[in-house]
Protein backbone atom coordinates (compact mmCIF):
# COMPACT_ATOMS: atom_id res chain seq x y z
CA MET A 1 23.14 13.58 -16.01
CA ILE A 2 20.24 11.13 -15.72
CA LEU A 3 17.60 13.86 -15.97
CA GLN A 4 19.35 15.53 -18.92
CA ALA A 5 19.59 12.24 -20.81
CA LEU A 6 15.91 11.47 -20.21
CA THR A 7 14.88 14.98 -21.23
CA ALA A 8 16.85 14.67 -24.47
CA TYR A 9 15.12 11.34 -25.12
CA TYR A 10 11.73 12.98 -24.54
CA GLU A 11 12.52 15.80 -26.96
CA GLU A 12 13.68 13.31 -29.59
CA LEU A 13 10.43 11.33 -29.34
CA ALA A 14 8.31 14.49 -29.12
CA SER A 15 9.89 15.82 -32.33
CA LYS A 16 8.73 12.60 -34.03
CA GLY A 17 5.21 12.99 -32.67
CA LYS A 18 5.50 9.91 -30.41
CA LEU A 19 5.07 11.74 -27.09
CA PRO A 20 2.63 14.47 -26.03
CA SER A 21 3.35 18.09 -25.29
CA PRO A 22 3.96 19.19 -21.68
CA GLY A 23 0.97 18.87 -19.40
CA TRP A 24 -0.19 15.48 -20.66
CA ASP A 25 0.43 11.98 -19.34
CA PRO A 26 0.72 9.69 -22.39
CA ALA A 27 0.23 6.37 -20.60
CA PHE A 28 -2.08 6.74 -17.63
CA LYS A 29 -3.98 3.68 -16.39
CA VAL A 30 -7.75 4.11 -16.77
CA SER A 31 -10.27 1.40 -15.85
CA PHE A 32 -13.74 2.89 -16.49
CA ALA A 33 -15.40 5.67 -18.47
CA LEU A 34 -18.46 7.65 -17.34
CA GLU A 35 -20.59 8.52 -20.38
CA VAL A 36 -22.58 11.70 -19.72
CA GLY A 37 -25.54 13.10 -21.65
CA ASP A 38 -26.27 16.69 -22.60
CA ASP A 39 -28.34 17.13 -19.46
CA GLY A 40 -25.55 15.75 -17.25
CA ALA A 41 -27.18 12.38 -16.68
CA LEU A 42 -24.96 9.31 -16.37
CA LEU A 43 -25.86 7.27 -19.46
CA ASP A 44 -23.38 4.39 -19.22
CA VAL A 45 -20.35 3.05 -17.39
CA VAL A 46 -17.87 1.65 -19.93
CA ASP A 47 -15.38 -0.96 -18.76
CA LEU A 48 -12.09 -0.06 -20.45
CA ARG A 49 -10.06 -2.86 -18.92
CA GLU A 50 -8.45 -5.33 -21.26
CA PRO A 51 -7.81 -9.07 -20.69
CA ALA A 52 -4.20 -9.96 -19.93
CA SER A 53 -2.23 -12.91 -18.58
CA THR A 54 -0.03 -12.70 -15.50
CA GLY A 55 1.70 -16.07 -15.33
CA LYS A 56 -1.03 -18.72 -15.39
CA LYS A 57 -3.71 -16.30 -14.28
CA LYS A 58 -5.91 -14.27 -16.60
CA THR A 59 -6.98 -10.88 -15.34
CA LEU A 60 -8.31 -7.51 -16.52
CA MET A 61 -5.75 -4.72 -16.80
CA PRO A 62 -6.44 -0.97 -17.07
CA LYS A 63 -6.16 0.71 -20.44
CA PHE A 64 -3.33 3.17 -21.08
CA MET A 65 -4.70 6.56 -22.16
CA SER A 66 -3.40 10.09 -22.72
CA VAL A 67 -4.88 12.32 -20.01
CA PRO A 68 -4.05 15.69 -18.40
CA ALA A 69 -0.99 15.38 -16.18
CA HIS A 70 -1.69 14.49 -12.55
CA PRO A 71 0.23 16.51 -9.96
CA THR A 72 1.66 14.71 -6.96
CA ARG A 73 -1.06 14.47 -4.32
CA SER A 74 -0.27 14.25 -0.60
CA SER A 75 -2.82 14.28 2.22
CA GLY A 76 -4.70 17.34 1.01
CA VAL A 77 -7.60 17.59 -1.43
CA LEU A 78 -6.37 18.25 -4.97
CA ALA A 79 -8.57 17.56 -7.98
CA ASN A 80 -7.37 16.43 -11.40
CA PHE A 81 -8.90 17.43 -14.71
CA LEU A 82 -11.18 14.97 -16.60
CA CYS A 83 -9.58 11.85 -15.11
CA ASP A 84 -9.52 10.85 -11.46
CA ASN A 85 -10.67 8.23 -8.94
CA SER A 86 -14.19 7.61 -7.68
CA ALA A 87 -13.77 9.93 -4.68
CA TYR A 88 -13.27 12.95 -6.94
CA LEU A 89 -15.54 12.12 -9.90
CA LEU A 90 -18.35 10.39 -7.98
CA GLY A 91 -17.85 11.41 -4.36
CA ALA A 92 -17.84 7.72 -3.41
CA VAL A 93 -15.35 5.61 -1.47
CA GLU A 94 -15.31 2.08 -0.06
CA ASP A 95 -14.85 3.11 3.56
CA GLU A 96 -18.01 4.81 4.85
CA LYS A 97 -15.92 6.58 7.50
CA LYS A 98 -14.34 8.59 4.67
CA ALA A 99 -17.63 9.54 3.04
CA GLY A 100 -17.33 13.11 4.33
CA ARG A 101 -13.92 13.56 2.80
CA ALA A 102 -15.15 12.01 -0.48
CA LYS A 103 -17.82 14.72 -0.69
CA GLN A 104 -15.12 17.36 -0.18
CA CYS A 105 -13.11 15.78 -3.02
CA PHE A 106 -16.16 15.81 -5.32
CA ALA A 107 -16.91 19.45 -4.48
CA ALA A 108 -13.28 20.43 -5.19
CA CYS A 109 -13.37 18.53 -8.48
CA ALA A 110 -16.63 20.22 -9.53
CA GLU A 111 -15.20 23.66 -8.67
CA PHE A 112 -12.00 22.93 -10.63
CA HIS A 113 -13.91 21.82 -13.73
CA HIS A 114 -16.16 24.90 -13.59
CA LYS A 115 -13.05 27.07 -13.37
CA LEU A 116 -11.60 25.56 -16.55
CA LEU A 117 -14.77 24.91 -18.58
CA ASN A 118 -17.18 27.77 -17.77
CA GLY A 119 -16.05 29.75 -20.78
CA VAL A 120 -15.82 26.81 -23.18
CA ASP A 121 -18.61 26.85 -25.79
CA CYS A 122 -18.84 23.13 -26.46
CA PRO A 123 -21.70 20.63 -25.95
CA ALA A 124 -19.39 18.09 -24.30
CA ALA A 125 -18.05 20.71 -21.87
CA ARG A 126 -21.59 21.76 -20.92
CA ALA A 127 -22.49 18.07 -20.42
CA VAL A 128 -19.55 17.50 -18.03
CA LEU A 129 -20.43 20.62 -16.01
CA ALA A 130 -24.08 19.55 -15.91
CA PHE A 131 -22.98 16.19 -14.53
CA PHE A 132 -21.17 17.86 -11.63
CA ASP A 133 -24.19 20.11 -10.98
CA ARG A 134 -26.77 17.33 -10.81
CA TRP A 135 -24.81 14.37 -9.44
CA ASP A 136 -25.60 13.38 -5.85
CA PRO A 137 -22.75 11.43 -4.20
CA ASP A 138 -25.22 9.91 -1.70
CA THR A 139 -26.94 7.99 -4.51
CA ALA A 140 -23.77 6.61 -6.07
CA SER A 141 -23.86 3.22 -4.35
CA VAL A 142 -27.43 2.52 -5.48
CA HIS A 143 -27.17 3.85 -9.01
CA PRO A 144 -28.16 1.00 -11.40
CA LEU A 145 -25.21 1.59 -13.75
CA LEU A 146 -22.67 1.57 -10.92
CA LYS A 147 -24.12 -1.22 -8.82
CA GLU A 148 -22.83 -4.13 -10.92
CA LYS A 149 -19.16 -2.98 -10.93
CA TRP A 150 -19.27 -1.07 -7.65
CA GLN A 151 -16.33 -2.79 -5.91
CA ASP A 152 -14.08 -2.41 -8.96
CA ILE A 153 -15.03 1.24 -9.47
CA ILE A 154 -14.47 2.43 -5.89
CA GLY A 155 -11.23 0.47 -5.58
CA ASN A 156 -7.96 1.80 -6.95
CA SER A 157 -9.51 2.57 -10.35
CA ASN A 158 -9.23 5.75 -12.41
CA LEU A 159 -12.24 7.08 -14.32
CA VAL A 160 -12.56 9.33 -17.35
CA PHE A 161 -15.49 11.09 -19.05
CA TYR A 162 -17.01 9.85 -22.30
CA TYR A 163 -19.38 11.80 -24.60
CA ASP A 164 -21.34 10.72 -27.68
CA TYR A 165 -19.79 12.81 -30.48
CA PRO A 166 -21.03 12.78 -34.09
CA ASP A 167 -18.19 10.39 -34.95
CA GLY A 168 -18.98 8.08 -32.03
CA ARG A 169 -18.50 8.12 -28.28
CA HIS A 170 -15.00 8.54 -26.94
CA SER A 171 -13.02 10.25 -24.22
CA VAL A 172 -13.44 14.00 -23.87
CA THR A 173 -9.65 14.21 -23.43
CA GLU A 174 -9.45 13.86 -27.22
CA ASP A 175 -11.65 16.93 -27.74
CA PRO A 176 -9.62 20.00 -28.88
CA ALA A 177 -11.79 22.30 -26.73
CA PHE A 178 -10.90 20.37 -23.57
CA ARG A 179 -7.26 20.16 -24.55
CA ASP A 180 -7.05 23.92 -25.13
CA ALA A 181 -8.71 24.58 -21.77
CA TRP A 182 -6.20 22.36 -19.99
CA ASN A 183 -3.19 23.78 -21.85
CA ARG A 184 -4.19 27.33 -20.83
CA GLU A 185 -4.42 26.24 -17.21
CA TYR A 186 -1.18 24.25 -17.26
CA HIS A 187 0.90 27.03 -18.85
CA ALA A 188 -0.63 29.88 -16.85
CA GLU A 189 1.73 32.09 -14.87
CA THR A 190 2.21 30.97 -11.27
CA ASP A 191 3.74 32.37 -8.13
CA SER A 192 6.45 29.68 -8.14
CA VAL A 193 10.05 30.71 -7.63
CA LYS A 194 11.92 31.25 -10.88
CA THR A 195 15.56 30.31 -11.32
CA GLN A 196 17.90 28.50 -13.70
CA CYS A 197 16.71 24.95 -14.39
CA LEU A 198 19.31 22.28 -13.60
CA VAL A 199 18.09 20.20 -16.55
CA THR A 200 17.53 22.64 -19.40
CA GLY A 201 19.66 25.57 -18.20
CA ARG A 202 16.79 27.95 -18.95
CA TYR A 203 15.35 30.52 -16.53
CA ALA A 204 11.89 29.26 -15.57
CA ALA A 205 9.46 28.55 -12.73
CA VAL A 206 10.57 25.73 -10.45
CA ALA A 207 8.36 22.66 -10.11
CA PRO A 208 7.66 22.26 -6.36
CA THR A 209 6.96 18.53 -6.86
CA HIS A 210 7.68 16.20 -9.77
CA PRO A 211 5.27 13.72 -11.40
CA GLN A 212 5.39 10.16 -10.08
CA ILE A 213 7.36 7.38 -11.76
CA LYS A 214 5.27 4.27 -12.39
CA GLY A 215 6.23 0.76 -13.41
CA VAL A 216 9.24 0.07 -11.17
CA ALA A 217 8.84 -3.43 -9.75
CA GLY A 218 8.24 -3.41 -6.00
CA ALA A 219 7.46 0.32 -5.80
CA GLN A 220 4.03 1.72 -4.93
CA SER A 221 1.46 1.12 -7.66
CA SER A 222 0.49 4.80 -7.55
CA GLY A 223 4.06 5.72 -8.39
CA ALA A 224 7.27 6.74 -6.65
CA ALA A 225 9.49 9.80 -6.76
CA LEU A 226 12.92 9.97 -8.32
CA VAL A 227 13.47 13.53 -7.00
CA SER A 228 11.69 14.68 -3.84
CA PHE A 229 12.22 16.55 -0.56
CA ASN A 230 9.85 16.39 2.40
CA ALA A 231 11.88 16.72 5.63
CA PRO A 232 12.40 19.91 7.70
CA SER A 233 16.15 19.69 7.08
CA PHE A 234 15.49 20.44 3.39
CA CYS A 235 14.05 23.86 4.28
CA SER A 236 17.50 25.33 4.92
CA TYR A 237 18.03 28.76 3.39
CA ASN A 238 14.25 29.01 2.86
CA HIS A 239 14.32 26.28 0.22
CA VAL A 240 11.04 24.38 0.08
CA GLN A 241 10.50 21.04 -1.73
CA GLY A 242 11.73 21.27 -5.33
CA GLU A 243 13.64 24.49 -4.72
CA ASN A 244 16.43 22.34 -3.20
CA ALA A 245 17.21 20.99 -6.67
CA PRO A 246 15.54 23.50 -9.01
CA VAL A 247 14.02 21.78 -12.03
CA SER A 248 11.55 23.67 -14.22
CA GLU A 249 8.00 22.48 -14.81
CA TYR A 250 9.00 21.57 -18.34
CA GLY A 251 12.11 19.66 -17.22
CA ALA A 252 10.15 17.72 -14.58
CA PHE A 253 7.47 16.83 -17.11
CA ALA A 254 9.98 15.87 -19.81
CA TYR A 255 12.16 13.51 -17.78
CA THR A 256 9.24 11.81 -16.00
CA THR A 257 7.31 11.37 -19.25
CA ALA A 258 10.35 9.82 -20.91
CA LEU A 259 11.02 7.48 -17.98
CA ASN A 260 7.38 6.44 -17.64
CA THR A 261 7.31 5.71 -21.36
CA LEU A 262 10.38 3.50 -21.07
CA LEU A 263 8.97 1.66 -18.06
CA ALA A 264 5.66 1.07 -19.83
CA ASP A 265 7.44 -0.48 -22.84
CA ARG A 266 7.85 -4.10 -21.71
CA ASN A 267 9.91 -4.94 -24.80
CA HIS A 268 12.71 -2.66 -23.59
CA CYS A 269 12.24 -2.93 -19.82
CA GLN A 270 13.54 -5.87 -17.80
CA ARG A 271 13.59 -6.84 -14.14
CA VAL A 272 16.67 -8.45 -12.60
CA GLY A 273 16.38 -9.16 -8.89
CA ASP A 274 15.01 -6.04 -7.22
CA THR A 275 16.23 -3.82 -10.06
CA THR A 276 14.12 -2.63 -12.98
CA VAL A 277 16.33 -1.90 -15.99
CA VAL A 278 15.51 0.34 -18.96
CA CYS A 279 17.75 1.23 -21.88
CA TRP A 280 17.55 3.70 -24.74
CA ALA A 281 19.58 5.23 -27.55
CA GLU A 282 20.20 8.96 -27.69
CA ASN A 283 18.52 9.12 -31.10
CA ALA A 284 15.52 7.11 -29.74
CA GLY A 285 16.14 4.33 -32.27
CA GLU A 286 14.26 1.20 -31.17
CA ALA A 287 16.60 -1.18 -33.00
CA TYR A 288 19.46 -0.25 -30.63
CA ALA A 289 17.31 -1.07 -27.59
CA ASP A 290 16.13 -4.30 -29.25
CA LEU A 291 19.68 -5.58 -29.68
CA GLY A 292 20.77 -4.30 -26.26
CA ILE A 293 17.99 -6.20 -24.49
CA ASP A 294 18.49 -9.40 -26.53
CA ALA A 295 22.25 -9.38 -25.97
CA VAL A 296 22.07 -8.92 -22.20
CA PHE A 297 18.86 -10.68 -21.19
CA GLY A 298 18.62 -13.40 -23.82
CA VAL A 299 16.66 -13.81 -27.05
CA PRO A 300 12.95 -14.69 -26.52
CA GLU A 301 12.01 -17.95 -28.20
CA GLU A 302 9.01 -16.39 -29.93
CA SER A 303 11.11 -13.63 -31.52
CA GLY A 304 12.48 -15.87 -34.27
CA ILE A 305 15.94 -14.32 -33.82
CA GLN A 306 18.92 -16.68 -33.73
CA GLU A 307 21.62 -16.35 -31.10
CA SER A 308 24.18 -16.39 -33.91
CA ASP A 309 22.63 -13.17 -35.27
CA VAL A 310 23.24 -11.45 -31.93
CA THR A 311 26.81 -12.73 -31.84
CA THR A 312 27.51 -11.45 -35.37
CA ALA A 313 26.06 -8.00 -34.65
CA LEU A 314 28.05 -7.67 -31.40
CA LYS A 315 31.26 -8.64 -33.17
CA LEU A 316 30.81 -6.02 -35.89
CA LEU A 317 29.87 -3.23 -33.50
CA SER A 318 32.67 -4.05 -31.05
CA GLU A 319 35.12 -3.73 -33.95
CA GLY A 320 33.76 -0.28 -34.81
CA LYS A 321 31.75 -1.44 -37.83
CA ASN A 322 28.09 -0.86 -38.68
CA ALA A 323 25.67 -3.72 -38.17
CA GLU A 324 22.19 -4.46 -39.52
CA TRP A 325 19.44 -5.25 -37.03
CA ASN A 326 15.72 -5.53 -37.79
CA GLY A 327 16.30 -3.74 -41.08
CA VAL A 328 18.08 -0.80 -39.41
CA THR A 329 21.77 0.09 -39.67
CA LEU A 330 23.27 0.40 -36.19
CA LEU A 331 26.19 2.78 -35.71
CA PRO A 332 28.88 1.89 -33.15
CA ASP A 333 29.37 5.54 -32.08
CA GLN A 334 25.71 6.10 -31.17
CA HIS A 335 25.38 7.03 -27.48
CA PHE A 336 23.42 4.53 -25.42
CA TYR A 337 22.17 4.38 -21.81
CA PHE A 338 21.30 1.75 -19.20
CA LEU A 339 19.41 2.82 -16.07
CA GLY A 340 18.70 0.53 -13.11
CA LEU A 341 16.08 1.55 -10.53
CA SER A 342 14.98 -0.20 -7.33
CA PRO A 343 12.16 0.65 -4.89
CA ASN A 344 12.81 2.49 -1.64
CA ALA A 345 9.53 3.19 0.19
CA ALA A 346 7.85 6.06 -1.68
CA ARG A 347 11.04 6.87 -3.55
CA LEU A 348 13.34 5.22 -6.07
CA SER A 349 17.01 4.33 -5.69
CA VAL A 350 19.31 4.50 -8.68
CA ARG A 351 21.26 1.23 -8.76
CA PHE A 352 23.33 2.29 -11.73
CA PHE A 353 23.34 4.71 -14.64
CA LEU A 354 25.70 3.78 -17.47
CA ARG A 355 26.49 5.82 -20.56
CA ASP A 356 28.71 4.69 -23.41
CA THR A 357 28.72 4.31 -27.15
CA PHE A 358 26.74 1.38 -28.44
CA GLY A 359 29.97 -0.10 -29.78
CA GLY A 360 31.50 0.20 -26.29
CA PHE A 361 28.62 -1.70 -24.70
CA ALA A 362 28.79 -4.28 -27.50
CA ARG A 363 32.49 -4.83 -26.77
CA HIS A 364 31.88 -5.36 -23.05
CA ILE A 365 28.97 -7.74 -23.66
CA ARG A 366 31.00 -9.71 -26.20
CA GLU A 367 33.94 -9.99 -23.77
CA HIS A 368 31.52 -11.21 -21.10
CA ARG A 369 30.15 -13.88 -23.42
CA GLN A 370 33.64 -15.01 -24.37
CA ALA A 371 34.64 -15.20 -20.69
CA LEU A 372 31.73 -17.57 -20.04
CA GLU A 373 32.56 -19.92 -22.90
CA ILE A 374 33.31 -23.42 -21.62
CA ALA A 375 32.71 -27.00 -22.75
CA LYS A 376 29.02 -27.84 -22.56
CA PRO A 377 27.15 -31.08 -21.96
CA ALA A 378 25.41 -32.51 -25.01
CA TYR A 379 21.99 -31.79 -23.51
CA GLU A 380 22.75 -28.09 -22.94
CA LYS A 381 20.95 -26.11 -25.65
CA ARG A 382 21.61 -22.59 -24.39
CA GLU A 383 24.04 -20.66 -26.56
CA SER A 384 24.76 -18.15 -23.81
CA LEU A 385 23.75 -17.44 -20.22
CA SER A 386 21.65 -14.38 -19.41
CA VAL A 387 22.25 -12.26 -16.32
CA TRP A 388 19.27 -13.83 -14.54
CA GLN A 389 20.44 -17.36 -15.39
CA LEU A 390 23.84 -16.57 -13.88
CA ALA A 391 22.21 -15.30 -10.69
CA ARG A 392 20.05 -18.43 -10.44
CA GLU A 393 23.17 -20.62 -10.31
CA THR A 394 23.63 -19.38 -6.73
CA VAL A 395 20.30 -20.75 -5.42
CA ASN A 396 18.75 -24.15 -4.81
CA LEU A 397 16.43 -24.67 -7.77
CA LYS A 398 14.51 -27.35 -5.86
CA GLU A 399 13.04 -24.71 -3.56
CA ARG A 400 9.48 -23.63 -4.16
CA THR A 401 10.51 -20.09 -5.09
CA PRO A 402 14.26 -20.03 -5.82
CA THR A 403 15.23 -16.37 -5.65
CA PRO A 404 18.80 -14.99 -5.80
CA ALA A 405 19.94 -12.20 -3.49
CA PRO A 406 18.14 -8.99 -4.53
CA GLN A 407 21.26 -6.99 -5.39
CA LEU A 408 23.18 -9.80 -7.07
CA ALA A 409 21.63 -9.63 -10.54
CA GLY A 410 22.10 -5.85 -10.66
CA ASP A 411 25.76 -6.19 -9.63
CA ILE A 412 26.33 -8.81 -12.35
CA LEU A 413 24.70 -6.59 -14.94
CA ARG A 414 26.94 -3.68 -13.99
CA ALA A 415 30.02 -5.90 -14.41
CA VAL A 416 28.77 -7.11 -17.81
CA LEU A 417 28.10 -3.61 -19.17
CA THR A 418 31.26 -1.97 -17.83
CA GLY A 419 33.73 -4.82 -18.29
CA GLY A 420 34.49 -4.67 -14.55
CA MET A 421 35.01 -7.40 -11.97
CA TYR A 422 32.19 -9.81 -11.32
CA PRO A 423 30.85 -9.45 -7.76
CA ALA A 424 32.42 -11.66 -5.11
CA THR A 425 28.90 -12.59 -3.98
CA LEU A 426 28.45 -14.41 -7.29
CA LEU A 427 31.48 -16.66 -6.70
CA ASN A 428 30.56 -17.17 -3.04
CA GLY A 429 27.02 -18.19 -3.97
CA VAL A 430 28.24 -20.66 -6.60
CA THR A 431 30.82 -22.13 -4.19
CA LEU A 432 28.17 -22.67 -1.52
CA ARG A 433 25.87 -24.42 -4.01
CA ILE A 434 28.69 -26.69 -5.17
CA ARG A 435 29.48 -27.68 -1.58
CA ALA A 436 25.83 -28.27 -0.78
CA GLU A 437 24.97 -30.24 -3.95
CA ARG A 438 28.46 -31.60 -4.72
CA ASP A 439 27.80 -30.94 -8.38
CA ILE A 440 29.35 -28.53 -10.89
CA THR A 441 26.86 -27.52 -13.55
CA TYR A 442 27.68 -25.92 -16.85
CA GLY A 443 26.59 -22.52 -15.51
CA ARG A 444 28.67 -22.79 -12.34
CA ALA A 445 31.79 -23.85 -14.21
CA ALA A 446 31.31 -20.95 -16.64
CA ILE A 447 31.00 -18.51 -13.73
CA ILE A 448 34.18 -19.78 -12.03
CA LYS A 449 36.14 -19.47 -15.27
CA ALA A 450 34.81 -15.97 -16.05
CA TYR A 451 35.29 -14.73 -12.49
CA TYR A 452 38.99 -15.61 -12.36
CA LEU A 453 39.66 -14.48 -15.93
CA ARG A 454 38.88 -10.94 -14.80
CA ARG A 455 41.00 -11.25 -11.67
CA LYS A 456 44.40 -11.72 -13.23
CA GLY A 457 47.06 -13.68 -11.37
CA LEU A 458 44.85 -15.57 -8.92
CA ILE A 459 44.70 -18.70 -11.09
CA PRO A 460 47.04 -19.49 -14.00
CA GLU A 461 45.29 -18.71 -17.28
CA GLU A 462 46.42 -22.07 -18.62
CA VAL A 463 43.53 -23.70 -16.74
CA LEU A 464 40.97 -20.97 -17.52
CA THR A 465 40.28 -22.48 -20.91
CA VAL A 466 37.18 -23.55 -22.80
CA TYR A 467 38.23 -27.20 -22.97
CA LEU A 468 40.47 -29.53 -20.96
CA ASN A 469 44.14 -28.54 -20.84
CA GLU A 470 45.95 -31.86 -20.58
CA GLU A 471 49.37 -30.16 -20.51
CA SER A 472 48.79 -28.16 -17.34
CA ASP A 473 50.51 -29.39 -14.19
CA TYR A 474 48.91 -26.82 -11.85
CA GLN A 475 48.37 -28.99 -8.77
CA PRO A 476 44.78 -28.03 -7.81
CA TYR A 477 43.68 -28.41 -11.45
CA VAL A 478 45.36 -31.83 -11.70
CA LEU A 479 43.71 -32.93 -8.44
CA GLY A 480 40.30 -32.00 -9.85
CA ARG A 481 41.01 -34.03 -12.97
CA LEU A 482 42.20 -36.96 -10.85
CA PHE A 483 39.00 -36.93 -8.78
CA ALA A 484 36.91 -37.04 -11.99
CA VAL A 485 38.89 -40.07 -13.22
CA LEU A 486 38.52 -41.87 -9.87
CA GLU A 487 34.77 -41.21 -10.02
CA ALA A 488 34.67 -42.64 -13.57
CA VAL A 489 36.48 -45.79 -12.37
CA GLN A 490 33.91 -46.29 -9.62
CA ASN A 491 31.01 -45.77 -12.03
CA ALA A 492 32.50 -48.28 -14.48
CA ALA A 493 33.01 -50.88 -11.75
CA ASN A 494 29.67 -50.27 -9.97
CA PRO A 495 27.24 -48.70 -12.47
CA GLU A 496 24.23 -49.20 -10.18
CA ILE A 497 25.79 -47.69 -7.06
CA ASN A 498 23.58 -45.21 -5.20
CA THR A 499 26.21 -43.12 -3.44
CA THR A 500 29.37 -42.33 -5.37
CA ILE A 501 32.62 -40.82 -4.13
CA ARG A 502 31.34 -37.49 -5.45
CA GLU A 503 28.45 -37.43 -2.99
CA ARG A 504 30.64 -38.66 -0.14
CA TYR A 505 34.06 -37.10 -0.65
CA PHE A 506 33.88 -34.21 -3.15
CA SER A 507 33.80 -31.30 -0.66
CA SER A 508 36.58 -32.82 1.47
CA ALA A 509 38.74 -33.66 -1.53
CA CYS A 510 38.38 -30.09 -2.77
CA ALA A 511 39.30 -28.49 0.56
CA THR A 512 41.67 -31.01 2.23
CA PRO A 513 43.19 -33.30 -0.45
CA ALA A 514 45.84 -34.84 1.82
CA ILE A 515 43.15 -36.40 4.02
CA VAL A 516 40.95 -37.79 1.26
CA PHE A 517 43.02 -38.73 -1.79
CA PRO A 518 45.10 -41.57 -0.23
CA THR A 519 41.80 -43.28 0.66
CA LEU A 520 40.41 -42.68 -2.83
CA ILE A 521 43.53 -44.07 -4.54
CA LYS A 522 43.32 -47.28 -2.46
CA LEU A 523 39.61 -47.55 -3.22
CA SER A 524 40.24 -47.14 -6.94
CA GLN A 525 42.56 -50.16 -6.95
CA LYS A 526 39.70 -52.33 -5.73
CA HIS A 527 37.43 -50.88 -8.41
CA LEU A 528 40.01 -51.55 -11.13
CA GLN A 529 40.03 -55.24 -10.22
CA LYS A 530 36.39 -55.48 -11.28
CA LEU A 531 37.01 -54.13 -14.79
CA GLY A 532 37.99 -55.90 -17.96
CA ASP A 533 41.58 -55.73 -19.17
CA LYS A 534 41.02 -52.91 -21.69
CA GLN A 535 39.12 -50.72 -19.25
CA LYS A 536 41.59 -51.49 -16.49
CA ILE A 537 44.56 -50.47 -18.64
CA TYR A 538 42.72 -47.35 -19.90
CA TYR A 539 41.87 -46.01 -16.45
CA ASP A 540 45.12 -47.14 -14.81
CA ARG A 541 47.09 -45.21 -17.44
CA GLN A 542 45.05 -42.03 -16.75
CA ILE A 543 45.54 -42.32 -12.99
CA THR A 544 49.29 -42.89 -13.41
CA GLU A 545 49.70 -39.94 -15.79
CA LEU A 546 47.90 -37.60 -13.42
CA LEU A 547 49.83 -38.83 -10.36
CA ASN A 548 53.09 -38.24 -12.27
CA LYS A 549 52.03 -34.60 -12.69
CA MET A 550 51.92 -34.26 -8.92
CA ASN A 551 55.41 -32.92 -8.20
CA THR A 552 54.68 -32.60 -4.46
CA ALA A 553 52.73 -34.51 -1.85
CA PHE A 554 48.98 -34.02 -1.68
CA PRO A 555 48.48 -30.54 -0.17
CA ALA A 556 46.96 -30.37 3.28
CA ARG A 557 44.57 -27.57 2.32
CA LEU A 558 43.49 -25.68 -0.77
CA THR A 559 42.57 -22.00 -0.66
CA LEU A 560 39.25 -20.79 -2.06
CA THR A 561 41.02 -19.76 -5.26
CA GLU A 562 42.74 -23.14 -5.59
CA GLN A 563 39.41 -24.84 -4.98
CA GLY A 564 38.12 -22.96 -8.03
CA ALA A 565 40.90 -24.49 -10.11
CA PHE A 566 40.09 -27.93 -8.63
CA GLU A 567 36.44 -27.54 -9.67
CA LEU A 568 37.41 -26.47 -13.18
CA GLY A 569 39.76 -29.46 -13.52
CA TYR A 570 37.00 -31.79 -12.38
CA TYR A 571 34.47 -30.24 -14.79
CA HIS A 572 36.86 -30.23 -17.77
CA GLN A 573 37.87 -33.86 -17.23
CA LYS A 574 34.27 -34.95 -16.83
CA GLN A 575 33.14 -33.17 -20.00
CA LYS A 576 36.06 -34.76 -21.87
CA ARG A 577 34.83 -38.19 -20.81
CA PHE A 578 31.24 -37.46 -21.83
CA GLU A 579 32.45 -35.94 -25.09
CA LYS A 580 34.09 -39.24 -26.05
CA LYS A 581 30.97 -41.14 -25.01
CA ASP A 582 28.72 -38.93 -27.13
CA ARG A 583 31.06 -39.36 -30.10
CA GLU A 584 30.92 -43.15 -29.76
CA GLU A 585 27.11 -43.08 -29.64
CA GLU A 586 26.98 -40.97 -32.77
């Protein structure tokens, strides 16, 4: 299903002229160009790298170019056409111990280019062949044009040929004569086994290996395989490599080209934990992916888009109505996909693959946002919490590199997009942070509320509200409210105190109320004596009202679920107090 969806996406983009025909890699990283003259001499080495910022650092990044497709290379010598590394195009490598092999690579590359270009009547083709005929790999390291950038060139850099055409110098891969020569080679009949393709359903030659997937965070920079077989156990019934899951050359090219295009588009590709997520619409409409990314991962500040615009669009689509986004009309019944990939040595693991209508995804995302709605502090400017922000609520942000568990963000994202249960690891992480820091942030309170809303019956829905429910007499919720009031009394009586009852007693009060609350009640009476009459009456009335809601003795222990209700009661009561304070200041 994944390969079929990606192939359909490729065909949609190819029909619009946005992706190349089979046999071409549309976004291959190239660092340098070797300009050759008519006599084969090396005239110039052009640095194609472009300045880019990675965090606070500025670096040079390779340029993305359309080049002939590169087959998967293992330990053997296998030359590519027109674009390759220094070992194949120059016969030079960094490690002198591999100089012999580098010469073999250069010889194989020269032979391959002669095979494809000997019959091509074109000045540029003759210049490239002349370069291979006259170039001496032993002189590469001392060549004046290579000397200055030697370490960069012989590193992990890809090179391409340039030629000075009448309209200016540019890559020979743009020359129709070279493109025709490569297309003839790529589509030539082979001895590969022919069978029905699992992707297209057509009878065609099977691709023994599939092109590499590049751009997945944490995977090898040279690429990783989504489909591959390399163990003896896969040779059963005389099936070798790709014959175990027969995909045609066209199908392998189509799905890998589509996926590499998605991964190279940083506007529609996001990383959450160890998972790289891409999304696309079946009709290849960019506006669908724009809204999908903004709704799930948050609106970038520089985009100029308001969070209210996202909310409005999600509401319309979830109700089965059309919505306008970036000047495009979005249809709720348009099929849409989310694919999550994570690295696994030289291969890729599929974390999730989700298919639904765009309206269906919009409904799930909107329900997720509504589940997270809870009273916010006045200083909180975020309209909603992204998946990554939810995951970060489980870690200590004071650490040098606070990083959530690798799988957590992906599990949250799956719950958001499917409307399923939030992972238990999310609640456990939040609970541990609350116990360690004895503080309930806006994000943690929102997570507790949303988690139990989707697990019906564990906590009464009367306390899973946006704002304080003063009518509820659910004991754990009332105890949380009572603790917040007792903390407020202490703060009013001793505003300069360094250690409050929250730092000292919160975890114990939440887990074993019967042990802690009698002490806290007695302590509050001493604090009340320090207050003025109005404050004393105000807080005494609140304490009395909450104690009257306790229809049993303080419970000896609260379960993990009841502790969640305690924490919500504490948060709600505290936000109610700050809400009144903010109103008075206004």
